[in-house]
């Protein structure tokens, strides 16, 4: 499956407060991997260039199958519900393994490179079907590249980890859902949006601090969970309309 890359710096409001780094508050004792790998900036850039090309190929060449719109939306509703449950399970595992506190929550931490999960209910109801699908198509690709970036980073830290396997499974599911959205837009006779020109913030590609990287992963999966709640509602609504 495929993934991508990102490049704006995080604002001051997104910087991790010093209080999070206090070992007396959160005691983290990471397991030392048997093998460790360091990705250079050149290696990371090459990996994400390949990922971008793969993502473009997938989202612009999704095959059309003679399936009713209701069938397509039913399929995506089931997949998005599965993804939502998998992400919730991953967050619990991630906070236990990486943060050292399964009850950890902090909604003040933000990443500007992630799509907003805040939706006005009246606007959500009034959104046209094509606009609804295009928004999900674009936003899920942004989440996809963030998730896969964390997968690659974790792979260099803990090879053979079940955490990495869980992240990879979610990344693959996001790719499948993006492909389904492309088919649905085609079935509605809508031209697919232009491929996104995405770059990851350098702080995510090459985090300077291990604790900062762990918090980034928490924010990505937390916001993905919130966004998937909206996606599930979208497909439930669309399935009922067709």
C-alpha atoms as a PDB file:
ATOM      1  CA  UNK A   1       0.000   0.000   0.000  1.00  0.00           C
ATOM      2  CA  UNK A   2       1.172   3.553  -0.277  1.00  0.00           C
ATOM      3  CA  UNK A   3       1.834   6.595   1.784  1.00  0.00           C
ATOM      4  CA  UNK A   4       3.303  10.262   1.543  1.00  0.00           C
ATOM      5  CA  UNK A   5       5.282  13.261   2.993  1.00  0.00           C
ATOM      6  CA  UNK A   6       4.731  16.803   4.829  1.00  0.00           C
ATOM      7  CA  UNK A   7       6.848  20.011   5.656  1.00  0.00           C
ATOM      8  CA  UNK A   8       5.526  23.080   7.655  1.00  0.00           C
ATOM      9  CA  UNK A   9       6.977  23.673  11.083  1.00  0.00           C
ATOM     10  CA  UNK A  10       4.735  23.439  14.086  1.00  0.00           C
ATOM     11  CA  UNK A  11       3.624  26.702  15.684  1.00  0.00           C
ATOM     12  CA  UNK A  12       4.493  27.727  19.214  1.00  0.00           C
ATOM     13  CA  UNK A  13       1.069  26.560  20.334  1.00  0.00           C
ATOM     14  CA  UNK A  14       1.948  23.059  19.143  1.00  0.00           C
ATOM     15  CA  UNK A  15       5.240  22.775  20.940  1.00  0.00           C
ATOM     16  CA  UNK A  16       5.277  20.226  23.692  1.00  0.00           C
ATOM     17  CA  UNK A  17       5.206  21.850  27.127  1.00  0.00           C
ATOM     18  CA  UNK A  18       8.116  21.043  29.368  1.00  0.00           C
ATOM     19  CA  UNK A  19       5.784  19.567  31.950  1.00  0.00           C
ATOM     20  CA  UNK A  20       5.188  16.573  29.711  1.00  0.00           C
ATOM     21  CA  UNK A  21       8.814  15.602  29.887  1.00  0.00           C
ATOM     22  CA  UNK A  22       8.876  15.147  33.634  1.00  0.00           C
ATOM     23  CA  UNK A  23       9.897  11.594  34.353  1.00  0.00           C
ATOM     24  CA  UNK A  24       8.281  11.915  37.776  1.00  0.00           C
ATOM     25  CA  UNK A  25       4.887  12.338  36.115  1.00  0.00           C
ATOM     26  CA  UNK A  26       5.163   9.770  33.351  1.00  0.00           C
ATOM     27  CA  UNK A  27       7.776   7.078  33.815  1.00  0.00           C
ATOM     28  CA  UNK A  28       8.639   5.535  30.456  1.00  0.00           C
ATOM     29  CA  UNK A  29      10.936   2.549  30.250  1.00  0.00           C
ATOM     30  CA  UNK A  30      11.108   1.680  26.565  1.00  0.00           C
ATOM     31  CA  UNK A  31      12.190  -1.813  25.652  1.00  0.00           C
ATOM     32  CA  UNK A  32      15.572  -1.806  23.975  1.00  0.00           C
ATOM     33  CA  UNK A  33      15.251  -3.359  20.503  1.00  0.00           C
ATOM     34  CA  UNK A  34      17.612  -6.055  19.424  1.00  0.00           C
ATOM     35  CA  UNK A  35      18.380  -4.136  16.249  1.00  0.00           C
ATOM     36  CA  UNK A  36      18.230  -0.383  15.709  1.00  0.00           C
ATOM     37  CA  UNK A  37      18.229   1.506  12.446  1.00  0.00           C
ATOM     38  CA  UNK A  38      18.830   5.214  11.881  1.00  0.00           C
ATOM     39  CA  UNK A  39      17.177   6.817   8.905  1.00  0.00           C
ATOM     40  CA  UNK A  40      19.136   9.714   7.462  1.00  0.00           C
ATOM     41  CA  UNK A  41      17.340  12.732   6.076  1.00  0.00           C
ATOM     42  CA  UNK A  42      18.198  11.598   2.557  1.00  0.00           C
ATOM     43  CA  UNK A  43      16.794   8.115   3.172  1.00  0.00           C
ATOM     44  CA  UNK A  44      13.566   9.515   4.649  1.00  0.00           C
ATOM     45  CA  UNK A  45      13.115  11.913   1.734  1.00  0.00           C
ATOM     46  CA  UNK A  46      13.627   9.107  -0.782  1.00  0.00           C
ATOM     47  CA  UNK A  47      11.158   6.875   1.048  1.00  0.00           C
ATOM     48  CA  UNK A  48       8.476   9.549   1.082  1.00  0.00           C
ATOM     49  CA  UNK A  49       9.028  10.548  -2.525  1.00  0.00           C
ATOM     50  CA  UNK A  50       8.267   6.946  -3.465  1.00  0.00           C
ATOM     51  CA  UNK A  51       5.296   6.993  -1.112  1.00  0.00           C
ATOM     52  CA  UNK A  52       3.849  10.108  -2.779  1.00  0.00           C
ATOM     53  CA  UNK A  53       4.055   8.571  -6.248  1.00  0.00           C
ATOM     54  CA  UNK A  54       2.393   5.395  -4.985  1.00  0.00           C
ATOM     55  CA  UNK A  55      -0.437   7.350  -3.364  1.00  0.00           C
ATOM     56  CA  UNK A  56      -1.103   9.329  -6.531  1.00  0.00           C
ATOM     57  CA  UNK A  57      -1.183   6.125  -8.595  1.00  0.00           C
ATOM     58  CA  UNK A  58      -3.650   4.473  -6.221  1.00  0.00           C
ATOM     59  CA  UNK A  59      -6.070   7.385  -5.922  1.00  0.00           C
ATOM     60  CA  UNK A  60      -6.182   8.182  -9.639  1.00  0.00           C
ATOM     61  CA  UNK A  61      -6.504   4.646 -10.976  1.00  0.00           C
ATOM     62  CA  UNK A  62      -9.154   2.991  -8.819  1.00  0.00           C
ATOM     63  CA  UNK A  63     -11.017   0.429 -10.997  1.00  0.00           C
ATOM     64  CA  UNK A  64     -14.781   0.814 -11.468  1.00  0.00           C
ATOM     65  CA  UNK A  65     -16.963  -2.155 -10.619  1.00  0.00           C
ATOM     66  CA  UNK A  66     -20.668  -2.377 -11.427  1.00  0.00           C
ATOM     67  CA  UNK A  67     -21.930  -2.053  -7.873  1.00  0.00           C
ATOM     68  CA  UNK A  68     -24.860   0.038  -6.639  1.00  0.00           C
ATOM     69  CA  UNK A  69     -24.104   3.205  -4.721  1.00  0.00           C
ATOM     70  CA  UNK A  70     -25.905   1.758  -1.721  1.00  0.00           C
ATOM     71  CA  UNK A  71     -23.624  -1.266  -1.898  1.00  0.00           C
ATOM     72  CA  UNK A  72     -20.538   0.956  -2.127  1.00  0.00           C
ATOM     73  CA  UNK A  73     -21.633   3.080   0.826  1.00  0.00           C
ATOM     74  CA  UNK A  74     -22.540  -0.007   2.865  1.00  0.00           C
ATOM     75  CA  UNK A  75     -19.074  -1.418   2.239  1.00  0.00           C
ATOM     76  CA  UNK A  76     -17.393   1.814   3.313  1.00  0.00           C
ATOM     77  CA  UNK A  77     -19.622   2.169   6.376  1.00  0.00           C
ATOM     78  CA  UNK A  78     -18.557  -1.295   7.543  1.00  0.00           C
ATOM     79  CA  UNK A  79     -14.872  -0.582   6.871  1.00  0.00           C
ATOM     80  CA  UNK A  80     -14.934   2.797   8.637  1.00  0.00           C
ATOM     81  CA  UNK A  81     -16.609   1.274  11.713  1.00  0.00           C
ATOM     82  CA  UNK A  82     -13.931  -1.425  11.815  1.00  0.00           C
ATOM     83  CA  UNK A  83     -11.214   1.212  11.483  1.00  0.00           C
ATOM     84  CA  UNK A  84     -12.721   3.269  14.293  1.00  0.00           C
ATOM     85  CA  UNK A  85     -12.639   0.290  16.643  1.00  0.00           C
ATOM     86  CA  UNK A  86      -9.085  -0.608  15.582  1.00  0.00           C
ATOM     87  CA  UNK A  87      -7.869   2.947  16.171  1.00  0.00           C
ATOM     88  CA  UNK A  88      -9.451   3.004  19.632  1.00  0.00           C
ATOM     89  CA  UNK A  89      -7.664  -0.240  20.469  1.00  0.00           C
ATOM     90  CA  UNK A  90      -4.397   1.140  19.086  1.00  0.00           C
ATOM     91  CA  UNK A  91      -4.642   4.325  21.156  1.00  0.00           C
ATOM     92  CA  UNK A  92      -4.933   2.308  24.364  1.00  0.00           C
ATOM     93  CA  UNK A  93      -1.958   0.170  23.386  1.00  0.00           C
ATOM     94  CA  UNK A  94       0.067   3.191  22.248  1.00  0.00           C
ATOM     95  CA  UNK A  95      -0.493   5.122  25.491  1.00  0.00           C
ATOM     96  CA  UNK A  96       0.497   2.073  27.522  1.00  0.00           C
ATOM     97  CA  UNK A  97       3.657   1.301  25.549  1.00  0.00           C
ATOM     98  CA  UNK A  98       4.849   4.755  24.503  1.00  0.00           C
ATOM     99  CA  UNK A  99       3.463   7.198  27.056  1.00  0.00           C
ATOM    100  CA  UNK A 100       3.604   4.844  30.011  1.00  0.00           C
ATOM    101  CA  UNK A 101       0.127   5.860  31.173  1.00  0.00           C
ATOM    102  CA  UNK A 102      -2.984   4.216  29.622  1.00  0.00           C
ATOM    103  CA  UNK A 103      -5.162   7.008  31.070  1.00  0.00           C
ATOM    104  CA  UNK A 104      -3.158   9.816  29.451  1.00  0.00           C
ATOM    105  CA  UNK A 105      -5.268  12.521  27.756  1.00  0.00           C
ATOM    106  CA  UNK A 106      -4.360  16.002  26.601  1.00  0.00           C
ATOM    107  CA  UNK A 107      -6.628  17.755  24.106  1.00  0.00           C
ATOM    108  CA  UNK A 108      -4.574  20.944  24.227  1.00  0.00           C
ATOM    109  CA  UNK A 109      -1.875  19.351  22.060  1.00  0.00           C
ATOM    110  CA  UNK A 110      -2.362  20.036  18.342  1.00  0.00           C
ATOM    111  CA  UNK A 111      -0.685  19.377  15.000  1.00  0.00           C
ATOM    112  CA  UNK A 112      -1.526  22.027  12.422  1.00  0.00           C
ATOM    113  CA  UNK A 113      -0.764  19.636   9.562  1.00  0.00           C
ATOM    114  CA  UNK A 114      -3.755  17.444  10.514  1.00  0.00           C
ATOM    115  CA  UNK A 115      -7.285  18.150   9.220  1.00  0.00           C
ATOM    116  CA  UNK A 116      -9.728  19.725  11.625  1.00  0.00           C
ATOM    117  CA  UNK A 117     -12.174  17.288  13.204  1.00  0.00           C
ATOM    118  CA  UNK A 118     -14.567  20.031  14.326  1.00  0.00           C
ATOM    119  CA  UNK A 119     -17.829  19.960  12.351  1.00  0.00           C
ATOM    120  CA  UNK A 120     -20.847  22.224  12.690  1.00  0.00           C
ATOM    121  CA  UNK A 121     -23.914  19.982  12.791  1.00  0.00           C
ATOM    122  CA  UNK A 122     -26.123  22.192  10.620  1.00  0.00           C
ATOM    123  CA  UNK A 123     -23.380  22.524   8.019  1.00  0.00           C
ATOM    124  CA  UNK A 124     -22.805  18.773   8.137  1.00  0.00           C
ATOM    125  CA  UNK A 125     -26.476  18.099   7.371  1.00  0.00           C
ATOM    126  CA  UNK A 126     -26.508  20.595   4.490  1.00  0.00           C
ATOM    127  CA  UNK A 127     -23.330  19.288   2.853  1.00  0.00           C
ATOM    128  CA  UNK A 128     -23.854  17.901  -0.643  1.00  0.00           C
ATOM    129  CA  UNK A 129     -22.968  14.250  -1.221  1.00  0.00           C
ATOM    130  CA  UNK A 130     -20.090  14.930  -3.613  1.00  0.00           C
ATOM    131  CA  UNK A 131     -18.638  17.595  -1.327  1.00  0.00           C
ATOM    132  CA  UNK A 132     -18.905  15.194   1.615  1.00  0.00           C
ATOM    133  CA  UNK A 133     -17.021  12.467  -0.262  1.00  0.00           C
ATOM    134  CA  UNK A 134     -14.372  14.846  -1.598  1.00  0.00           C
ATOM    135  CA  UNK A 135     -13.692  16.197   1.886  1.00  0.00           C
ATOM    136  CA  UNK A 136     -13.189  12.692   3.255  1.00  0.00           C
ATOM    137  CA  UNK A 137     -11.065  11.742   0.236  1.00  0.00           C
ATOM    138  CA  UNK A 138      -8.693  14.642   0.869  1.00  0.00           C
ATOM    139  CA  UNK A 139      -8.580  14.525   4.673  1.00  0.00           C
ATOM    140  CA  UNK A 140      -8.050  10.772   4.914  1.00  0.00           C
ATOM    141  CA  UNK A 141      -5.032  11.031   2.644  1.00  0.00           C
ATOM    142  CA  UNK A 142      -3.526  13.549   5.068  1.00  0.00           C
ATOM    143  CA  UNK A 143      -4.125  11.183   7.972  1.00  0.00           C
ATOM    144  CA  UNK A 144      -2.793   8.306   5.876  1.00  0.00           C
ATOM    145  CA  UNK A 145       0.595   9.894   5.340  1.00  0.00           C
ATOM    146  CA  UNK A 146       0.889  10.869   9.009  1.00  0.00           C
ATOM    147  CA  UNK A 147       0.030   7.340  10.151  1.00  0.00           C
ATOM    148  CA  UNK A 148       2.477   5.757   7.746  1.00  0.00           C
ATOM    149  CA  UNK A 149       5.212   8.152   8.800  1.00  0.00           C
ATOM    150  CA  UNK A 150       4.764   6.992  12.397  1.00  0.00           C
ATOM    151  CA  UNK A 151       4.798   3.376  11.201  1.00  0.00           C
ATOM    152  CA  UNK A 152       8.153   3.872   9.486  1.00  0.00           C
ATOM    153  CA  UNK A 153       9.545   5.674  12.529  1.00  0.00           C
ATOM    154  CA  UNK A 154       8.382   2.946  14.911  1.00  0.00           C
ATOM    155  CA  UNK A 155       9.807   0.298  12.602  1.00  0.00           C
ATOM    156  CA  UNK A 156      13.270   1.784  13.120  1.00  0.00           C
ATOM    157  CA  UNK A 157      12.794   1.747  16.888  1.00  0.00           C
ATOM    158  CA  UNK A 158      11.140  -1.606  17.628  1.00  0.00           C
ATOM    159  CA  UNK A 159      11.332  -4.185  14.863  1.00  0.00           C
ATOM    160  CA  UNK A 160       8.796  -6.977  15.086  1.00  0.00           C
ATOM    161  CA  UNK A 161       6.589  -4.986  17.469  1.00  0.00           C
ATOM    162  CA  UNK A 162       2.848  -5.717  17.594  1.00  0.00           C
ATOM    163  CA  UNK A 163       2.397  -1.950  17.828  1.00  0.00           C
ATOM    164  CA  UNK A 164       3.971  -1.545  14.396  1.00  0.00           C
ATOM    165  CA  UNK A 165       1.712  -4.290  13.029  1.00  0.00           C
ATOM    166  CA  UNK A 166      -1.367  -2.488  14.370  1.00  0.00           C
ATOM    167  CA  UNK A 167      -0.282   0.819  12.830  1.00  0.00           C
ATOM    168  CA  UNK A 168       0.389  -0.877   9.501  1.00  0.00           C
ATOM    169  CA  UNK A 169      -3.056  -2.521   9.499  1.00  0.00           C
ATOM    170  CA  UNK A 170      -4.713   0.864  10.032  1.00  0.00           C
ATOM    171  CA  UNK A 171      -2.586   2.430   7.310  1.00  0.00           C
ATOM    172  CA  UNK A 172      -3.665  -0.265   4.850  1.00  0.00           C
ATOM    173  CA  UNK A 173      -7.326   0.231   5.781  1.00  0.00           C
ATOM    174  CA  UNK A 174      -7.061   3.987   5.216  1.00  0.00           C
ATOM    175  CA  UNK A 175      -5.658   3.255   1.758  1.00  0.00           C
ATOM    176  CA  UNK A 176      -8.574   0.927   1.010  1.00  0.00           C
ATOM    177  CA  UNK A 177     -11.103   3.527   2.155  1.00  0.00           C
ATOM    178  CA  UNK A 178      -9.480   6.236   0.010  1.00  0.00           C
ATOM    179  CA  UNK A 179      -9.742   3.900  -2.992  1.00  0.00           C
ATOM    180  CA  UNK A 180     -13.428   3.235  -2.225  1.00  0.00           C
ATOM    181  CA  UNK A 181     -14.095   6.974  -2.018  1.00  0.00           C
ATOM    182  CA  UNK A 182     -12.542   7.417  -5.443  1.00  0.00           C
ATOM    183  CA  UNK A 183     -14.906   4.801  -6.878  1.00  0.00           C
ATOM    184  CA  UNK A 184     -17.909   6.449  -5.235  1.00  0.00           C
ATOM    185  CA  UNK A 185     -17.028   9.831  -6.708  1.00  0.00           C
ATOM    186  CA  UNK A 186     -16.727   8.236 -10.133  1.00  0.00           C
ATOM    187  CA  UNK A 187     -20.100   6.513  -9.670  1.00  0.00           C
ATOM    188  CA  UNK A 188     -21.642   9.936  -8.925  1.00  0.00           C
ATOM    189  CA  UNK A 189     -20.121  11.225 -12.175  1.00  0.00           C
ATOM    190  CA  UNK A 190     -17.888  13.577 -10.257  1.00  0.00           C
ATOM    191  CA  UNK A 191     -14.383  14.258 -11.417  1.00  0.00           C
ATOM    192  CA  UNK A 192     -11.871  13.114  -8.862  1.00  0.00           C
ATOM    193  CA  UNK A 193     -10.089  15.933  -7.034  1.00  0.00           C
ATOM    194  CA  UNK A 194      -6.575  16.769  -8.099  1.00  0.00           C
ATOM    195  CA  UNK A 195      -3.943  14.686  -6.269  1.00  0.00           C
ATOM    196  CA  UNK A 196      -2.831  16.467  -3.130  1.00  0.00           C
ATOM    197  CA  UNK A 197       0.603  18.055  -2.978  1.00  0.00           C
ATOM    198  CA  UNK A 198       1.437  17.056   0.576  1.00  0.00           C
ATOM    199  CA  UNK A 199       4.586  17.454   2.597  1.00  0.00           C
ATOM    200  CA  UNK A 200       5.102  16.415   6.182  1.00  0.00           C
ATOM    201  CA  UNK A 201       6.483  18.793   8.797  1.00  0.00           C
ATOM    202  CA  UNK A 202      10.179  18.176   9.258  1.00  0.00           C
ATOM    203  CA  UNK A 203       9.560  17.784  12.998  1.00  0.00           C
ATOM    204  CA  UNK A 204       7.492  14.696  12.215  1.00  0.00           C
ATOM    205  CA  UNK A 205       9.887  13.277   9.641  1.00  0.00           C
ATOM    206  CA  UNK A 206      12.882  13.795  11.909  1.00  0.00           C
ATOM    207  CA  UNK A 207      11.731  14.440  15.500  1.00  0.00           C
ATOM    208  CA  UNK A 208      14.472  15.891  17.681  1.00  0.00           C
ATOM    209  CA  UNK A 209      13.221  14.416  20.933  1.00  0.00           C
ATOM    210  CA  UNK A 210      11.930  10.927  21.639  1.00  0.00           C
ATOM    211  CA  UNK A 211       9.233  12.221  23.984  1.00  0.00           C
ATOM    212  CA  UNK A 212       8.076  14.724  21.370  1.00  0.00           C
ATOM    213  CA  UNK A 213       7.789  11.910  18.807  1.00  0.00           C
ATOM    214  CA  UNK A 214       5.671   9.869  21.217  1.00  0.00           C
ATOM    215  CA  UNK A 215       3.301  12.775  21.770  1.00  0.00           C
ATOM    216  CA  UNK A 216       3.035  13.304  18.014  1.00  0.00           C
ATOM    217  CA  UNK A 217       1.883   9.710  17.610  1.00  0.00           C
ATOM    218  CA  UNK A 218      -0.709  10.196  20.344  1.00  0.00           C
ATOM    219  CA  UNK A 219      -2.075  13.337  18.641  1.00  0.00           C
ATOM    220  CA  UNK A 220      -2.264  11.638  15.222  1.00  0.00           C
ATOM    221  CA  UNK A 221      -4.202   8.619  16.462  1.00  0.00           C
ATOM    222  CA  UNK A 222      -6.399  10.703  18.778  1.00  0.00           C
ATOM    223  CA  UNK A 223      -7.440  13.036  15.949  1.00  0.00           C
ATOM    224  CA  UNK A 224      -7.886  10.112  13.545  1.00  0.00           C
ATOM    225  CA  UNK A 225     -10.323   8.533  16.000  1.00  0.00           C
ATOM    226  CA  UNK A 226     -12.333  11.771  16.156  1.00  0.00           C
ATOM    227  CA  UNK A 227     -12.335  12.132  12.377  1.00  0.00           C
ATOM    228  CA  UNK A 228     -13.416   8.531  11.830  1.00  0.00           C
ATOM    229  CA  UNK A 229     -16.457   9.186  14.016  1.00  0.00           C
ATOM    230  CA  UNK A 230     -17.516  11.753  11.408  1.00  0.00           C
ATOM    231  CA  UNK A 231     -16.714   9.382   8.532  1.00  0.00           C
ATOM    232  CA  UNK A 232     -18.916   6.670  10.057  1.00  0.00           C
ATOM    233  CA  UNK A 233     -21.780   9.180  10.339  1.00  0.00           C
ATOM    234  CA  UNK A 234     -21.205  10.263   6.723  1.00  0.00           C
ATOM    235  CA  UNK A 235     -21.510   6.748   5.336  1.00  0.00           C
ATOM    236  CA  UNK A 236     -24.452   5.918   7.575  1.00  0.00           C
ATOM    237  CA  UNK A 237     -26.256   8.943   6.143  1.00  0.00           C
ATOM    238  CA  UNK A 238     -25.283   8.165   2.549  1.00  0.00           C
ATOM    239  CA  UNK A 239     -26.274   4.519   2.876  1.00  0.00           C
ATOM    240  CA  UNK A 240     -29.732   5.591   4.054  1.00  0.00           C
ATOM    241  CA  UNK A 241     -30.180   8.000   1.115  1.00  0.00           C
ATOM    242  CA  UNK A 242     -29.452   5.548  -1.722  1.00  0.00           C
END
